[in-house]
Amino acid sequence: MTVPASAGRRRMDVMTSTEPSIFSRIVAREIPADVVFESDAVIAFRDIAPQAPVHLLVVPKTEQYRDVAELAAGDPALLAELVATASRLADELADGHFRLVFNTGAGAGQTVFHVHAHVLAGGLEEASLGGA
């Protein structure tokens, strides 16, 4: 049996860490953030490198789920709360129109493996992401 050379390497997106994520540290107030909403289950704050006039991160307080696929499978009610929070904040802080982005995996741009949604709003152009 031949083992591929890559078999011994671990991909960055599947590595585990015993350290709390940056988002868990924000929830614990170890790292400051411009929090715009908080409930028992989720927290929302402004992105430090905004890609739109309104760019928020909506994050479940639990670090149990690495990405949106895990969250959908493990706790659909929490995913629904996250989406409802995004919609409510877009209504309050923009015109109610928003883009909701989940990066899933390092190859898709996910850098923090604690599920989170990017809420982008405020004069977005559809062409910026290549159409519908």
C-alpha atoms as a PDB file:
ATOM      1  CA  MET A   1       0.000   0.000   0.000  1.00  0.00           C
ATOM      2  CA  THR A   2       1.346   3.410  -0.970  1.00  0.00           C
ATOM      3  CA  VAL A   3       0.633   6.325   1.351  1.00  0.00           C
ATOM      4  CA  PRO A   4       0.437   9.745  -0.302  1.00  0.00           C
ATOM      5  CA  ALA A   5       3.147  12.174   0.769  1.00  0.00           C
ATOM      6  CA  SER A   6       0.465  14.569   1.982  1.00  0.00           C
ATOM      7  CA  ALA A   7      -1.075  11.986   4.348  1.00  0.00           C
ATOM      8  CA  GLY A   8       1.201  12.973   7.219  1.00  0.00           C
ATOM      9  CA  ARG A   9       0.517  16.678   6.815  1.00  0.00           C
ATOM     10  CA  ARG A  10      -2.411  18.321   8.503  1.00  0.00           C
ATOM     11  CA  ARG A  11      -4.309  20.972   6.636  1.00  0.00           C
ATOM     12  CA  MET A  12      -4.579  24.294   8.422  1.00  0.00           C
ATOM     13  CA  ASP A  13      -8.385  24.187   8.335  1.00  0.00           C
ATOM     14  CA  VAL A  14      -8.577  20.893  10.217  1.00  0.00           C
ATOM     15  CA  MET A  15      -6.022  21.622  12.900  1.00  0.00           C
ATOM     16  CA  THR A  16      -7.374  21.892  16.403  1.00  0.00           C
ATOM     17  CA  SER A  17      -6.312  24.283  19.086  1.00  0.00           C
ATOM     18  CA  THR A  18      -6.725  24.293  22.815  1.00  0.00           C
ATOM     19  CA  GLU A  19      -6.515  28.090  22.827  1.00  0.00           C
ATOM     20  CA  PRO A  20      -9.772  30.075  22.798  1.00  0.00           C
ATOM     21  CA  SER A  21     -10.559  31.758  19.488  1.00  0.00           C
ATOM     22  CA  ILE A  22     -10.307  35.523  19.147  1.00  0.00           C
ATOM     23  CA  PHE A  23     -14.112  35.575  19.166  1.00  0.00           C
ATOM     24  CA  SER A  24     -14.280  33.659  22.451  1.00  0.00           C
ATOM     25  CA  ARG A  25     -11.827  36.181  23.852  1.00  0.00           C
ATOM     26  CA  ILE A  26     -14.094  39.024  22.668  1.00  0.00           C
ATOM     27  CA  VAL A  27     -17.094  37.318  24.311  1.00  0.00           C
ATOM     28  CA  ALA A  28     -15.058  37.048  27.536  1.00  0.00           C
ATOM     29  CA  ARG A  29     -14.111  40.748  27.190  1.00  0.00           C
ATOM     30  CA  GLU A  30     -10.413  39.884  27.070  1.00  0.00           C
ATOM     31  CA  ILE A  31     -10.163  41.712  23.732  1.00  0.00           C
ATOM     32  CA  PRO A  32     -12.066  44.952  23.115  1.00  0.00           C
ATOM     33  CA  ALA A  33     -14.619  45.193  20.321  1.00  0.00           C
ATOM     34  CA  ASP A  34     -17.229  47.690  19.153  1.00  0.00           C
ATOM     35  CA  VAL A  35     -20.209  45.571  20.228  1.00  0.00           C
ATOM     36  CA  VAL A  36     -23.511  46.562  18.611  1.00  0.00           C
ATOM     37  CA  PHE A  37     -25.680  43.715  19.925  1.00  0.00           C
ATOM     38  CA  GLU A  38     -25.514  40.950  22.484  1.00  0.00           C
ATOM     39  CA  SER A  39     -27.926  38.260  23.660  1.00  0.00           C
ATOM     40  CA  ASP A  40     -27.462  35.120  25.717  1.00  0.00           C
ATOM     41  CA  ALA A  41     -26.460  33.181  22.579  1.00  0.00           C
ATOM     42  CA  VAL A  42     -24.841  35.620  20.103  1.00  0.00           C
ATOM     43  CA  ILE A  43     -22.730  38.738  19.964  1.00  0.00           C
ATOM     44  CA  ALA A  44     -22.346  41.192  17.086  1.00  0.00           C
ATOM     45  CA  PHE A  45     -19.573  43.710  16.619  1.00  0.00           C
ATOM     46  CA  ARG A  46     -18.033  45.890  13.941  1.00  0.00           C
ATOM     47  CA  ASP A  47     -15.305  44.335  11.792  1.00  0.00           C
ATOM     48  CA  ILE A  48     -11.907  45.978  12.365  1.00  0.00           C
ATOM     49  CA  ALA A  49     -11.189  45.924   8.605  1.00  0.00           C
ATOM     50  CA  PRO A  50     -14.566  46.791   7.064  1.00  0.00           C
ATOM     51  CA  GLN A  51     -15.268  45.806   3.459  1.00  0.00           C
ATOM     52  CA  ALA A  52     -18.526  47.812   3.290  1.00  0.00           C
ATOM     53  CA  PRO A  53     -20.040  50.892   4.965  1.00  0.00           C
ATOM     54  CA  VAL A  54     -21.656  48.504   7.458  1.00  0.00           C
ATOM     55  CA  HIS A  55     -19.553  45.401   8.166  1.00  0.00           C
ATOM     56  CA  LEU A  56     -20.472  43.440  11.257  1.00  0.00           C
ATOM     57  CA  LEU A  57     -19.561  40.030  12.554  1.00  0.00           C
ATOM     58  CA  VAL A  58     -22.331  38.001  14.188  1.00  0.00           C
ATOM     59  CA  VAL A  59     -20.876  35.233  16.310  1.00  0.00           C
ATOM     60  CA  PRO A  60     -22.425  32.526  18.474  1.00  0.00           C
ATOM     61  CA  LYS A  61     -21.000  32.706  21.952  1.00  0.00           C
ATOM     62  CA  THR A  62     -20.268  28.990  21.898  1.00  0.00           C
ATOM     63  CA  GLU A  63     -17.027  27.885  20.291  1.00  0.00           C
ATOM     64  CA  GLN A  64     -18.519  24.440  19.635  1.00  0.00           C
ATOM     65  CA  TYR A  65     -19.002  24.952  15.873  1.00  0.00           C
ATOM     66  CA  ARG A  66     -16.108  25.692  13.520  1.00  0.00           C
ATOM     67  CA  ASP A  67     -18.182  26.693  10.494  1.00  0.00           C
ATOM     68  CA  VAL A  68     -21.730  27.211   9.274  1.00  0.00           C
ATOM     69  CA  ALA A  69     -22.120  23.619   8.060  1.00  0.00           C
ATOM     70  CA  GLU A  70     -21.339  22.306  11.544  1.00  0.00           C
ATOM     71  CA  LEU A  71     -23.704  24.862  13.080  1.00  0.00           C
ATOM     72  CA  ALA A  72     -26.541  23.976  10.704  1.00  0.00           C
ATOM     73  CA  ALA A  73     -26.150  20.275  11.486  1.00  0.00           C
ATOM     74  CA  GLY A  74     -25.639  20.718  15.223  1.00  0.00           C
ATOM     75  CA  ASP A  75     -27.940  23.582  16.226  1.00  0.00           C
ATOM     76  CA  PRO A  76     -30.298  24.880  13.528  1.00  0.00           C
ATOM     77  CA  ALA A  77     -32.078  27.093  16.074  1.00  0.00           C
ATOM     78  CA  LEU A  78     -28.825  28.899  16.862  1.00  0.00           C
ATOM     79  CA  LEU A  79     -28.180  29.376  13.148  1.00  0.00           C
ATOM     80  CA  ALA A  80     -31.687  30.840  12.796  1.00  0.00           C
ATOM     81  CA  GLU A  81     -30.984  33.230  15.677  1.00  0.00           C
ATOM     82  CA  LEU A  82     -27.718  34.293  14.061  1.00  0.00           C
ATOM     83  CA  VAL A  83     -29.498  35.045  10.753  1.00  0.00           C
ATOM     84  CA  ALA A  84     -32.358  36.862  12.510  1.00  0.00           C
ATOM     85  CA  THR A  85     -29.817  38.980  14.385  1.00  0.00           C
ATOM     86  CA  ALA A  86     -28.064  39.859  11.126  1.00  0.00           C
ATOM     87  CA  SER A  87     -31.371  40.922   9.580  1.00  0.00           C
ATOM     88  CA  ARG A  88     -32.390  43.006  12.594  1.00  0.00           C
ATOM     89  CA  LEU A  89     -29.030  44.795  12.663  1.00  0.00           C
ATOM     90  CA  ALA A  90     -29.193  45.506   8.908  1.00  0.00           C
ATOM     91  CA  ASP A  91     -32.629  47.051   9.498  1.00  0.00           C
ATOM     92  CA  GLU A  92     -31.267  49.203  12.330  1.00  0.00           C
ATOM     93  CA  LEU A  93     -27.908  50.221  10.856  1.00  0.00           C
ATOM     94  CA  ALA A  94     -28.522  50.259   7.102  1.00  0.00           C
ATOM     95  CA  ASP A  95     -31.434  50.172   4.681  1.00  0.00           C
ATOM     96  CA  GLY A  96     -32.427  46.624   5.592  1.00  0.00           C
ATOM     97  CA  HIS A  97     -30.679  45.204   2.532  1.00  0.00           C
ATOM     98  CA  PHE A  98     -27.610  43.175   3.364  1.00  0.00           C
ATOM     99  CA  ARG A  99     -25.244  40.461   2.248  1.00  0.00           C
ATOM    100  CA  LEU A 100     -24.623  37.601   4.676  1.00  0.00           C
ATOM    101  CA  VAL A 101     -21.323  35.776   4.144  1.00  0.00           C
ATOM    102  CA  PHE A 102     -20.024  32.634   5.834  1.00  0.00           C
ATOM    103  CA  ASN A 103     -16.504  31.565   4.889  1.00  0.00           C
ATOM    104  CA  THR A 104     -16.177  27.814   5.379  1.00  0.00           C
ATOM    105  CA  GLY A 105     -12.649  26.402   5.349  1.00  0.00           C
ATOM    106  CA  ALA A 106      -9.247  27.969   4.816  1.00  0.00           C
ATOM    107  CA  GLY A 107      -9.559  27.619   1.040  1.00  0.00           C
ATOM    108  CA  ALA A 108     -12.649  29.829   1.170  1.00  0.00           C
ATOM    109  CA  GLY A 109     -10.956  32.504   3.266  1.00  0.00           C
ATOM    110  CA  GLN A 110     -11.940  31.400   6.768  1.00  0.00           C
ATOM    111  CA  THR A 111      -9.209  32.474   9.180  1.00  0.00           C
ATOM    112  CA  VAL A 112     -11.000  32.090  12.524  1.00  0.00           C
ATOM    113  CA  PHE A 113     -12.445  28.611  13.045  1.00  0.00           C
ATOM    114  CA  HIS A 114     -15.292  29.723  15.284  1.00  0.00           C
ATOM    115  CA  VAL A 115     -18.405  30.041  13.112  1.00  0.00           C
ATOM    116  CA  HIS A 116     -19.295  33.633  12.287  1.00  0.00           C
ATOM    117  CA  ALA A 117     -21.298  35.583   9.742  1.00  0.00           C
ATOM    118  CA  HIS A 118     -20.183  38.740   8.001  1.00  0.00           C
ATOM    119  CA  VAL A 119     -23.042  41.213   7.595  1.00  0.00           C
ATOM    120  CA  LEU A 120     -22.274  43.646   4.775  1.00  0.00           C
ATOM    121  CA  ALA A 121     -24.637  46.513   4.029  1.00  0.00           C
ATOM    122  CA  GLY A 122     -24.851  50.089   2.873  1.00  0.00           C
ATOM    123  CA  GLY A 123     -24.622  50.729  -0.852  1.00  0.00           C
ATOM    124  CA  LEU A 124     -23.193  47.409  -1.989  1.00  0.00           C
ATOM    125  CA  GLU A 125     -22.759  46.766  -5.680  1.00  0.00           C
ATOM    126  CA  GLU A 126     -23.842  43.314  -6.913  1.00  0.00           C
ATOM    127  CA  ALA A 127     -21.032  43.275  -9.453  1.00  0.00           C
ATOM    128  CA  SER A 128     -18.496  43.233  -6.624  1.00  0.00           C
ATOM    129  CA  LEU A 129     -19.083  39.497  -6.175  1.00  0.00           C
ATOM    130  CA  GLY A 130     -19.711  38.591  -9.791  1.00  0.00           C
ATOM    131  CA  GLY A 131     -23.506  38.704 -10.009  1.00  0.00           C
ATOM    132  CA  ALA A 132     -26.237  36.631  -8.463  1.00  0.00           C
END
